[in-house]
């Protein structure tokens, strides 16, 4: 009897340790993405304070996407090679301090510098955290990955309202107060988070690109799907309040709440996507998401009032339910390079989408209208349908 109890205690302890680490990573992910979502609130304020054009606003959006997402594969590689917990631990404080100081920016150049450094903190967190969030959890990994992803999506949702509340309640000059949650999270993670297991010295030279080259076909399909989805999500995150203010006559607070609700819907969608993936498989979830999001986004752009808002919120839920699916499918393709794959799915492909589309939408909106430029993005899910049909059927069929 005691022998059996000892045998059962090993996986039980591992599960408890895995769940504790998951909680820490979820808390970190929430606040990291809260700072990532701050630009939705800062864009209208900075446009008014510093008299930016929409093109310049798009460049600032592109900078945070570049430093916070596009360079994530670099951090993924470094994380896989050096196995230091500081990639995750220091990130919330760095992101919090520099993003929160945007209220001090006297000109475009200083704003760009603060955004770039804050984005570097955002970038350092995601690859290692995404690779380690579900370690020690052996069943229903899609569900638990969805919990981790949804924590970040809720942070994105909180960002616009949180920073708008500080700017309007305390004044834009006190936006630095928003840094304190990030600093506190860094302290807690430093005290509580166990570092990654260090490999033998010779293992530092074992990482190469061979695992990625072996699956470059399906990995490229997944990356393109992330590119299209993230293009919509990031453009909405940067420009939705501006769009609602300019095209629909919303107040800043109401526009920020609308963006937060879109992001909350995305968080719920990500959580549901993890459950559906465990049951039906990743390919099916991606296919259903791309098909279902098209009429809902059209409802948002081409109707008004409550009907339009329902299209926005439900469209966010359906569109963003594939976020954890892409990460899990990528990690299954190349498990020996989990950090790098996570960076490709959540960083490089995501960042490339923002790097291309945010400046483009900003520049085109100076020439056309935001209604025209933003609504044209409905074509992206239509392209995604054809890509999803080419995905391998065997990937993440489900474990529950």
Foldseek 3Di string as FASTA:
>chain_A
DVVVVVVVVVLVVLLVVLVVLLVLLLLLLLLLLLLVLQLQQVLVVCCVQAVDALLLLLVLLLLLLCLQFQCLLVLLLVCLQVQWCCLALCLLLQLLQLSLQLLVDPYSVSNSVSSNRSSNSNSSRFLVSLLRSRPSPDALVLLSSLSSVLSNLLSSLVNNLVQNCCCVVVNSNPSSVRSVSSVVSSVVCVVPPDTDDDDPPVCSPVDDCVLCVVPVVLLVLLLLLLLLLLLLLSLCSNCQLVQCCVPVVDDSNVSSNLSSLLSNLLSLLLNVLSVVCQAANLLVLLLQLLVVLLVLCVQLLPDDDPSNSRSSNPSSSSSNNNLSSSLQLQCVSRVSSSSSSSSSNRGNSSSVSSNPNSSVLSVVCVVPNNSVSSSVSSCSSVVSNVSSVPRDPPGRRHRD
